[in-house]
C-alpha atoms as a PDB file:
ATOM      1  CA  MET A   1       0.297   0.169   0.040  1.00  0.00           C
ATOM      2  CA  ASP A   2       1.229   3.719  -0.904  1.00  0.00           C
ATOM      3  CA  LEU A   3       0.441   5.884   2.439  1.00  0.00           C
ATOM      4  CA  GLN A   4       0.189   8.923   0.488  1.00  0.00           C
ATOM      5  CA  SER A   5      -3.006  10.480   0.756  1.00  0.00           C
ATOM      6  CA  LYS A   6      -4.411   7.394   2.988  1.00  0.00           C
ATOM      7  CA  ILE A   7      -7.072   7.314   5.747  1.00  0.00           C
ATOM      8  CA  ALA A   8      -6.477   6.552   9.009  1.00  0.00           C
ATOM      9  CA  ILE A   9      -7.771   5.935  12.426  1.00  0.00           C
ATOM     10  CA  VAL A  10      -5.771   5.196  15.226  1.00  0.00           C
ATOM     11  CA  THR A  11      -7.257   4.182  18.733  1.00  0.00           C
ATOM     12  CA  GLY A  12      -5.057   4.679  21.746  1.00  0.00           C
ATOM     13  CA  GLY A  13      -3.767   7.849  19.294  1.00  0.00           C
ATOM     14  CA  ALA A  14      -2.867  10.983  21.944  1.00  0.00           C
ATOM     15  CA  SER A  15      -0.297   8.913  23.712  1.00  0.00           C
ATOM     16  CA  GLY A  16       2.675   6.347  23.686  1.00  0.00           C
ATOM     17  CA  LEU A  17       2.562   4.161  20.440  1.00  0.00           C
ATOM     18  CA  GLY A  18      -0.520   4.945  19.022  1.00  0.00           C
ATOM     19  CA  LEU A  19       0.827   8.695  19.370  1.00  0.00           C
ATOM     20  CA  ALA A  20       4.529   8.129  17.699  1.00  0.00           C
ATOM     21  CA  THR A  21       1.915   5.992  15.235  1.00  0.00           C
ATOM     22  CA  VAL A  22      -0.581   9.023  14.560  1.00  0.00           C
ATOM     23  CA  ARG A  23       3.234  11.231  13.882  1.00  0.00           C
ATOM     24  CA  ASN A  24       4.708   8.744  11.896  1.00  0.00           C
ATOM     25  CA  LEU A  25       2.055   8.170   9.255  1.00  0.00           C
ATOM     26  CA  HIS A  26       1.094  11.962   9.317  1.00  0.00           C
ATOM     27  CA  GLN A  27       4.688  12.543   8.388  1.00  0.00           C
ATOM     28  CA  LYS A  28       3.946   9.815   5.648  1.00  0.00           C
ATOM     29  CA  GLY A  29       1.086  11.349   4.058  1.00  0.00           C
ATOM     30  CA  VAL A  30      -1.524  10.224   5.578  1.00  0.00           C
ATOM     31  CA  LYS A  31      -4.808  11.215   7.088  1.00  0.00           C
ATOM     32  CA  VAL A  32      -5.691  10.027  10.794  1.00  0.00           C
ATOM     33  CA  THR A  33      -8.153  10.292  12.806  1.00  0.00           C
ATOM     34  CA  ILE A  34      -7.012   9.660  16.293  1.00  0.00           C
ATOM     35  CA  PHE A  35      -9.255   7.377  17.675  1.00  0.00           C
ATOM     36  CA  ASP A  36      -8.804   8.655  22.312  1.00  0.00           C
ATOM     37  CA  ILE A  37     -11.097   9.280  25.617  1.00  0.00           C
ATOM     38  CA  ASN A  38      -8.383  11.995  26.488  1.00  0.00           C
ATOM     39  CA  GLU A  39     -10.156  14.628  24.703  1.00  0.00           C
ATOM     40  CA  VAL A  40      -7.501  17.668  26.079  1.00  0.00           C
ATOM     41  CA  ARG A  41      -4.412  15.296  24.886  1.00  0.00           C
ATOM     42  CA  ALA A  42      -5.760  14.737  21.820  1.00  0.00           C
ATOM     43  CA  LYS A  43      -7.206  17.990  20.961  1.00  0.00           C
ATOM     44  CA  GLU A  44      -3.425  19.763  21.238  1.00  0.00           C
ATOM     45  CA  ILE A  45      -2.385  16.961  19.080  1.00  0.00           C
ATOM     46  CA  VAL A  46      -4.682  18.031  16.382  1.00  0.00           C
ATOM     47  CA  GLU A  47      -3.821  21.158  16.760  1.00  0.00           C
ATOM     48  CA  GLU A  48      -0.086  20.943  16.746  1.00  0.00           C
ATOM     49  CA  LEU A  49       0.072  18.598  13.879  1.00  0.00           C
ATOM     50  CA  GLY A  50      -2.672  20.216  11.092  1.00  0.00           C
ATOM     51  CA  ASP A  51      -5.479  20.073   9.040  1.00  0.00           C
ATOM     52  CA  ASN A  52      -4.812  16.010   7.848  1.00  0.00           C
ATOM     53  CA  VAL A  53      -5.424  15.073  11.409  1.00  0.00           C
ATOM     54  CA  ALA A  54      -8.890  14.708  13.416  1.00  0.00           C
ATOM     55  CA  PHE A  55     -10.198  13.731  16.912  1.00  0.00           C
ATOM     56  CA  ALA A  56     -12.496  11.628  17.690  1.00  0.00           C
ATOM     57  CA  SER A  57     -14.010  10.608  21.703  1.00  0.00           C
ATOM     58  CA  VAL A  58     -14.527   6.651  21.637  1.00  0.00           C
ATOM     59  CA  ASN A  59     -14.912   4.458  23.682  1.00  0.00           C
ATOM     60  CA  VAL A  60     -13.753   1.241  21.458  1.00  0.00           C
ATOM     61  CA  ALA A  61     -15.684  -1.227  23.644  1.00  0.00           C
ATOM     62  CA  ASP A  62     -18.418   0.300  22.208  1.00  0.00           C
ATOM     63  CA  GLU A  63     -20.359  -0.394  18.953  1.00  0.00           C
ATOM     64  CA  ALA A  64     -22.192   3.728  19.015  1.00  0.00           C
ATOM     65  CA  SER A  65     -19.140   4.833  19.578  1.00  0.00           C
ATOM     66  CA  VAL A  66     -16.949   3.109  17.514  1.00  0.00           C
ATOM     67  CA  LYS A  67     -19.639   3.407  14.282  1.00  0.00           C
ATOM     68  CA  ALA A  68     -19.615   7.572  15.299  1.00  0.00           C
ATOM     69  CA  GLY A  69     -15.711   8.210  14.321  1.00  0.00           C
ATOM     70  CA  ILE A  70     -15.707   5.805  11.851  1.00  0.00           C
ATOM     71  CA  GLU A  71     -18.971   8.084   9.718  1.00  0.00           C
ATOM     72  CA  GLN A  72     -16.965  11.511  10.923  1.00  0.00           C
ATOM     73  CA  THR A  73     -13.644  10.345   9.671  1.00  0.00           C
ATOM     74  CA  VAL A  74     -15.813   9.589   6.834  1.00  0.00           C
ATOM     75  CA  GLN A  75     -17.553  12.547   6.417  1.00  0.00           C
ATOM     76  CA  GLN A  76     -14.252  14.043   6.820  1.00  0.00           C
ATOM     77  CA  PHE A  77     -11.808  13.124   4.574  1.00  0.00           C
ATOM     78  CA  GLY A  78     -13.610  10.605   2.286  1.00  0.00           C
ATOM     79  CA  GLY A  79     -13.393   7.065   3.490  1.00  0.00           C
ATOM     80  CA  LEU A  80     -11.051   4.742   5.198  1.00  0.00           C
ATOM     81  CA  HIS A  81      -7.731   2.096   4.132  1.00  0.00           C
ATOM     82  CA  ILE A  82      -5.952   1.627   7.440  1.00  0.00           C
ATOM     83  CA  CYS A  83      -7.476   0.852  11.035  1.00  0.00           C
ATOM     84  CA  VAL A  84      -4.507   0.790  13.561  1.00  0.00           C
ATOM     85  CA  ASN A  85      -5.380  -0.925  16.920  1.00  0.00           C
ATOM     86  CA  CYS A  86      -3.395   0.285  20.590  1.00  0.00           C
ATOM     87  CA  ALA A  87      -6.021   1.760  22.795  1.00  0.00           C
ATOM     88  CA  GLY A  88      -5.927  -1.001  26.049  1.00  0.00           C
ATOM     89  CA  ILE A  89      -5.246  -1.036  30.011  1.00  0.00           C
ATOM     90  CA  ALA A  90      -2.987  -2.896  31.490  1.00  0.00           C
ATOM     91  CA  PRO A  91      -3.532  -2.670  35.165  1.00  0.00           C
ATOM     92  CA  PRO A  92      -2.218  -5.980  37.646  1.00  0.00           C
ATOM     93  CA  ALA A  93      -4.255  -7.988  39.536  1.00  0.00           C
ATOM     94  CA  LYS A  94      -2.650 -11.815  41.128  1.00  0.00           C
ATOM     95  CA  THR A  95      -5.192 -14.264  40.737  1.00  0.00           C
ATOM     96  CA  ILE A  96      -4.644 -15.157  44.316  1.00  0.00           C
ATOM     97  CA  GLY A  97      -2.852 -11.226  46.499  1.00  0.00           C
ATOM     98  CA  LYS A  98      -3.204  -9.892  49.500  1.00  0.00           C
ATOM     99  CA  LYS A  99      -6.271  -8.619  49.137  1.00  0.00           C
ATOM    100  CA  GLY A 100      -8.196 -11.568  48.372  1.00  0.00           C
ATOM    101  CA  ILE A 101      -8.966 -12.977  44.873  1.00  0.00           C
ATOM    102  CA  HIS A 102      -8.813 -12.003  41.286  1.00  0.00           C
ATOM    103  CA  SER A 103     -12.290  -9.433  40.735  1.00  0.00           C
ATOM    104  CA  LEU A 104     -14.190 -11.046  38.062  1.00  0.00           C
ATOM    105  CA  GLU A 105     -15.194  -7.156  37.553  1.00  0.00           C
ATOM    106  CA  HIS A 106     -11.673  -6.205  36.932  1.00  0.00           C
ATOM    107  CA  PHE A 107     -10.720  -9.294  34.113  1.00  0.00           C
ATOM    108  CA  LYS A 108     -13.679  -8.773  32.678  1.00  0.00           C
ATOM    109  CA  LYS A 109     -13.394  -4.901  32.414  1.00  0.00           C
ATOM    110  CA  VAL A 110      -9.611  -5.399  30.634  1.00  0.00           C
ATOM    111  CA  ILE A 111     -10.802  -7.978  27.849  1.00  0.00           C
ATOM    112  CA  ASP A 112     -13.680  -5.294  27.620  1.00  0.00           C
ATOM    113  CA  ILE A 113     -10.877  -2.619  26.618  1.00  0.00           C
ATOM    114  CA  ASN A 114      -8.770  -4.944  25.107  1.00  0.00           C
ATOM    115  CA  LEU A 115      -9.715  -7.985  23.247  1.00  0.00           C
ATOM    116  CA  ILE A 116     -13.676  -7.691  22.634  1.00  0.00           C
ATOM    117  CA  GLY A 117     -12.705  -3.480  21.912  1.00  0.00           C
ATOM    118  CA  THR A 118     -10.133  -4.292  19.587  1.00  0.00           C
ATOM    119  CA  PHE A 119     -12.610  -6.997  17.551  1.00  0.00           C
ATOM    120  CA  ASN A 120     -15.563  -4.184  18.250  1.00  0.00           C
ATOM    121  CA  VAL A 121     -13.020  -2.223  16.168  1.00  0.00           C
ATOM    122  CA  ILE A 122     -11.797  -4.594  13.460  1.00  0.00           C
ATOM    123  CA  ARG A 123     -15.122  -5.822  12.772  1.00  0.00           C
ATOM    124  CA  LEU A 124     -16.423  -2.389  12.027  1.00  0.00           C
ATOM    125  CA  ALA A 125     -13.430  -0.578  10.432  1.00  0.00           C
ATOM    126  CA  ALA A 126     -12.965  -3.293   7.576  1.00  0.00           C
ATOM    127  CA  GLU A 127     -17.303  -3.281   7.127  1.00  0.00           C
ATOM    128  CA  GLN A 128     -16.358   0.254   6.325  1.00  0.00           C
ATOM    129  CA  MET A 129     -13.391  -0.567   4.312  1.00  0.00           C
ATOM    130  CA  ALA A 130     -15.198  -3.482   1.904  1.00  0.00           C
ATOM    131  CA  LYS A 131     -17.149  -0.120  -0.180  1.00  0.00           C
ATOM    132  CA  ASN A 132     -13.269   1.219  -1.150  1.00  0.00           C
ATOM    133  CA  GLU A 133     -12.332   0.321  -5.162  1.00  0.00           C
ATOM    134  CA  SER A 134      -8.282  -1.351  -4.302  1.00  0.00           C
ATOM    135  CA  ILE A 135      -5.861   0.851  -3.843  1.00  0.00           C
ATOM    136  CA  THR A 136      -3.659  -2.021  -5.288  1.00  0.00           C
ATOM    137  CA  GLU A 137      -2.917  -4.302  -8.025  1.00  0.00           C
ATOM    138  CA  ASP A 138      -3.413  -6.863  -6.179  1.00  0.00           C
ATOM    139  CA  GLY A 139      -7.023  -5.619  -4.719  1.00  0.00           C
ATOM    140  CA  GLU A 140      -6.082  -4.651  -1.944  1.00  0.00           C
ATOM    141  CA  ARG A 141      -8.917  -2.250   0.102  1.00  0.00           C
ATOM    142  CA  GLY A 142      -7.001  -2.258   3.346  1.00  0.00           C
ATOM    143  CA  SER A 143      -5.056  -2.925   6.359  1.00  0.00           C
ATOM    144  CA  ILE A 144      -5.941  -4.127   9.717  1.00  0.00           C
ATOM    145  CA  VAL A 145      -2.321  -3.441  12.484  1.00  0.00           C
ATOM    146  CA  ASN A 146      -3.378  -4.553  16.170  1.00  0.00           C
ATOM    147  CA  THR A 147      -1.414  -4.732  19.040  1.00  0.00           C
ATOM    148  CA  ALA A 148      -0.683  -7.731  21.427  1.00  0.00           C
ATOM    149  CA  SER A 149       1.962  -7.994  23.325  1.00  0.00           C
ATOM    150  CA  VAL A 150       4.410 -10.309  25.115  1.00  0.00           C
ATOM    151  CA  ALA A 151       2.257 -10.894  27.880  1.00  0.00           C
ATOM    152  CA  ALA A 152       0.377 -13.196  25.546  1.00  0.00           C
ATOM    153  CA  PHE A 153       4.041 -15.879  25.360  1.00  0.00           C
ATOM    154  CA  ASP A 154       5.055 -15.296  28.517  1.00  0.00           C
ATOM    155  CA  GLY A 155       2.433 -13.364  30.845  1.00  0.00           C
ATOM    156  CA  GLN A 156       4.286 -12.206  34.182  1.00  0.00           C
ATOM    157  CA  MET A 157       3.172 -12.951  37.506  1.00  0.00           C
ATOM    158  CA  GLY A 158      -0.502 -10.622  38.407  1.00  0.00           C
ATOM    159  CA  GLN A 159      -0.747 -10.359  33.931  1.00  0.00           C
ATOM    160  CA  ALA A 160      -4.149 -13.173  34.436  1.00  0.00           C
ATOM    161  CA  ALA A 161      -6.639 -10.363  32.754  1.00  0.00           C
ATOM    162  CA  TYR A 162      -3.867  -8.825  30.458  1.00  0.00           C
ATOM    163  CA  GLY A 163      -2.222 -12.282  28.829  1.00  0.00           C
ATOM    164  CA  ALA A 164      -5.710 -13.712  28.049  1.00  0.00           C
ATOM    165  CA  SER A 165      -6.064  -9.862  26.897  1.00  0.00           C
ATOM    166  CA  LYS A 166      -3.399 -10.052  24.668  1.00  0.00           C
ATOM    167  CA  ALA A 167      -3.076 -13.829  23.481  1.00  0.00           C
ATOM    168  CA  GLY A 168      -7.503 -13.331  22.433  1.00  0.00           C
ATOM    169  CA  VAL A 169      -6.121 -10.587  19.883  1.00  0.00           C
ATOM    170  CA  ALA A 170      -2.488 -12.353  18.530  1.00  0.00           C
ATOM    171  CA  GLY A 171      -5.451 -15.944  18.567  1.00  0.00           C
ATOM    172  CA  MET A 172      -8.346 -14.342  16.264  1.00  0.00           C
ATOM    173  CA  THR A 173      -5.305 -12.165  13.796  1.00  0.00           C
ATOM    174  CA  LEU A 174      -5.073 -15.183  11.231  1.00  0.00           C
ATOM    175  CA  PRO A 175      -8.769 -16.426  11.161  1.00  0.00           C
ATOM    176  CA  ILE A 176      -9.662 -13.197  10.729  1.00  0.00           C
ATOM    177  CA  ALA A 177      -6.968 -12.744   8.154  1.00  0.00           C
ATOM    178  CA  ARG A 178      -9.742 -15.889   6.422  1.00  0.00           C
ATOM    179  CA  ASP A 179     -12.199 -13.832   7.302  1.00  0.00           C
ATOM    180  CA  LEU A 180     -10.943 -10.623   5.114  1.00  0.00           C
ATOM    181  CA  SER A 181      -8.873 -12.284   2.486  1.00  0.00           C
ATOM    182  CA  GLU A 182     -12.162 -12.032   0.124  1.00  0.00           C
ATOM    183  CA  PHE A 183     -12.419  -8.117   0.653  1.00  0.00           C
ATOM    184  CA  GLY A 184      -8.976  -7.344  -0.127  1.00  0.00           C
ATOM    185  CA  ILE A 185      -7.992  -6.390   3.278  1.00  0.00           C
ATOM    186  CA  ARG A 186      -4.887  -7.840   5.124  1.00  0.00           C
ATOM    187  CA  ILE A 187      -4.346  -7.879   9.330  1.00  0.00           C
ATOM    188  CA  ASN A 188      -1.448  -8.251  11.105  1.00  0.00           C
ATOM    189  CA  THR A 189      -0.438  -8.062  14.882  1.00  0.00           C
ATOM    190  CA  ILE A 190       3.047  -6.298  16.740  1.00  0.00           C
ATOM    191  CA  ALA A 191       3.097  -7.841  20.219  1.00  0.00           C
ATOM    192  CA  PRO A 192       6.249  -5.831  21.919  1.00  0.00           C
ATOM    193  CA  GLY A 193       7.975  -6.360  24.733  1.00  0.00           C
ATOM    194  CA  LEU A 194       8.790  -3.958  27.150  1.00  0.00           C
ATOM    195  CA  PHE A 195       8.521  -0.152  25.025  1.00  0.00           C
ATOM    196  CA  HIS A 196       9.565   3.543  26.475  1.00  0.00           C
ATOM    197  CA  THR A 197       5.448   4.515  26.801  1.00  0.00           C
ATOM    198  CA  PRO A 198       3.220   6.325  29.607  1.00  0.00           C
ATOM    199  CA  MET A 199       2.680   3.302  31.221  1.00  0.00           C
ATOM    200  CA  ALA A 200       7.199   3.826  32.312  1.00  0.00           C
ATOM    201  CA  ALA A 201       6.984   7.480  32.498  1.00  0.00           C
ATOM    202  CA  GLY A 202       6.773   7.345  36.437  1.00  0.00           C
ATOM    203  CA  LEU A 203       9.305   5.056  36.673  1.00  0.00           C
ATOM    204  CA  SER A 204      13.072   5.926  38.833  1.00  0.00           C
ATOM    205  CA  GLU A 205      16.178   6.023  36.203  1.00  0.00           C
ATOM    206  CA  LYS A 206      17.045   2.766  38.057  1.00  0.00           C
ATOM    207  CA  ILE A 207      13.964   0.597  37.377  1.00  0.00           C
ATOM    208  CA  VAL A 208      13.774   1.347  33.166  1.00  0.00           C
ATOM    209  CA  GLU A 209      17.792   0.470  33.607  1.00  0.00           C
ATOM    210  CA  LYS A 210      16.914  -3.201  34.948  1.00  0.00           C
ATOM    211  CA  LEU A 211      14.202  -3.496  33.339  1.00  0.00           C
ATOM    212  CA  GLY A 212      16.490  -2.815  29.544  1.00  0.00           C
ATOM    213  CA  SER A 213      19.053  -5.231  31.115  1.00  0.00           C
ATOM    214  CA  MET A 214      16.577  -8.490  31.108  1.00  0.00           C
ATOM    215  CA  VAL A 215      16.658  -7.670  26.851  1.00  0.00           C
ATOM    216  CA  GLU A 216      18.767  -9.222  24.846  1.00  0.00           C
ATOM    217  CA  PHE A 217      19.402  -6.474  22.382  1.00  0.00           C
ATOM    218  CA  PRO A 218      19.975  -3.773  22.528  1.00  0.00           C
ATOM    219  CA  LYS A 219      19.411  -3.749  26.711  1.00  0.00           C
ATOM    220  CA  ARG A 220      16.669  -1.465  26.910  1.00  0.00           C
ATOM    221  CA  LEU A 221      13.413  -0.813  26.374  1.00  0.00           C
ATOM    222  CA  GLY A 222      12.241   0.037  22.939  1.00  0.00           C
ATOM    223  CA  LYS A 223      11.132   3.144  22.042  1.00  0.00           C
ATOM    224  CA  ALA A 224       7.636   3.639  20.198  1.00  0.00           C
ATOM    225  CA  GLU A 225       8.753   4.859  17.086  1.00  0.00           C
ATOM    226  CA  GLU A 226      10.641   2.078  16.224  1.00  0.00           C
ATOM    227  CA  TYR A 227       6.590   0.634  17.065  1.00  0.00           C
ATOM    228  CA  ALA A 228       5.578   3.411  14.292  1.00  0.00           C
ATOM    229  CA  GLU A 229       7.884   2.307  12.085  1.00  0.00           C
ATOM    230  CA  LEU A 230       7.366  -1.693  12.044  1.00  0.00           C
ATOM    231  CA  VAL A 231       3.411  -0.480  12.028  1.00  0.00           C
ATOM    232  CA  GLN A 232       3.956   1.215   8.705  1.00  0.00           C
ATOM    233  CA  PHE A 233       6.661  -2.044   7.085  1.00  0.00           C
ATOM    234  CA  LEU A 234       3.169  -4.064   7.561  1.00  0.00           C
ATOM    235  CA  LEU A 235       0.777  -1.366   5.724  1.00  0.00           C
ATOM    236  CA  GLU A 236       3.366  -0.531   2.645  1.00  0.00           C
ATOM    237  CA  ASN A 237       4.269  -4.826   2.824  1.00  0.00           C
ATOM    238  CA  ASN A 238       1.086  -6.091   0.991  1.00  0.00           C
ATOM    239  CA  TYR A 239       2.696  -9.767   0.612  1.00  0.00           C
ATOM    240  CA  ILE A 240       2.317  -9.868   5.198  1.00  0.00           C
ATOM    241  CA  ASN A 241      -0.634 -11.196   6.402  1.00  0.00           C
ATOM    242  CA  GLY A 242      -2.098 -12.695   9.246  1.00  0.00           C
ATOM    243  CA  GLU A 243       1.268 -12.434  11.184  1.00  0.00           C
ATOM    244  CA  VAL A 244       1.755 -11.796  14.848  1.00  0.00           C
ATOM    245  CA  ILE A 245       5.431 -10.448  15.474  1.00  0.00           C
ATOM    246  CA  ARG A 246       7.213 -10.201  18.291  1.00  0.00           C
ATOM    247  CA  LEU A 247       9.149  -6.490  18.666  1.00  0.00           C
ATOM    248  CA  ASP A 248      10.758  -7.220  21.927  1.00  0.00           C
ATOM    249  CA  GLY A 249      14.810  -6.716  21.067  1.00  0.00           C
ATOM    250  CA  GLY A 250      14.674 -10.997  21.864  1.00  0.00           C
ATOM    251  CA  ILE A 251      13.302 -10.890  25.006  1.00  0.00           C
ATOM    252  CA  ARG A 252      11.640 -13.823  27.298  1.00  0.00           C
ATOM    253  CA  MET A 253      10.004 -12.350  30.264  1.00  0.00           C
ATOM    254  CA  ALA A 254      10.252 -13.794  33.811  1.00  0.00           C
ATOM    255  CA  PRO A 255       7.955 -15.039  36.325  1.00  0.00           C
ATOM    256  CA  ARG A 256       8.181 -11.706  38.261  1.00  0.00           C
END
């Protein structure tokens, strides 16, 4: 896919991996709508980047909210070719911890946002993409990139809900790729390791160095820009489909 003048939505686009993706796509000539609940930060980004970036207040787990965001994008920019799912939460909780057993509501909330929310956006974005004329000689109409996590494969203590949600995102990638093949829509998933994001911003330099030392090479946390570069590669390479790619410097997480 040639990214110039294409139209994208990025969930969780007001911070972290999502924001890096918004910036990267914008630089490549893509018109982008940020789907987020942080209205203040998102509007600051829109003001900074200019006319080809918009904001829609979207709860990814709510059908009406996502539909409205997609409709806004189509009305403002004229269509939809790209969907990048970065929205998610990662609150830790042990199955049995010092405060008692894992709350079922806590588990449901993580699944609702990370897994159901991702699928909700996928299905509604794909519905819109299927209306496109083909944009490549192969007949491609759109491309979707999801965000899982290395926790899908080697989750740590306290990550039962998070690991389950991200394993679900990884696990549904190939079936959805098969579902959408007849419509010319590709879908891939990135499973990031330890990255510099707002979730890591509050950590001390000593802890950040310790986390970085766990990575095989390079011994540091990942940069959000490196995630965005992989998103770009997956969008531009028309032959990658149904894949889950670890972006983690070779790390395999310890139990804690």
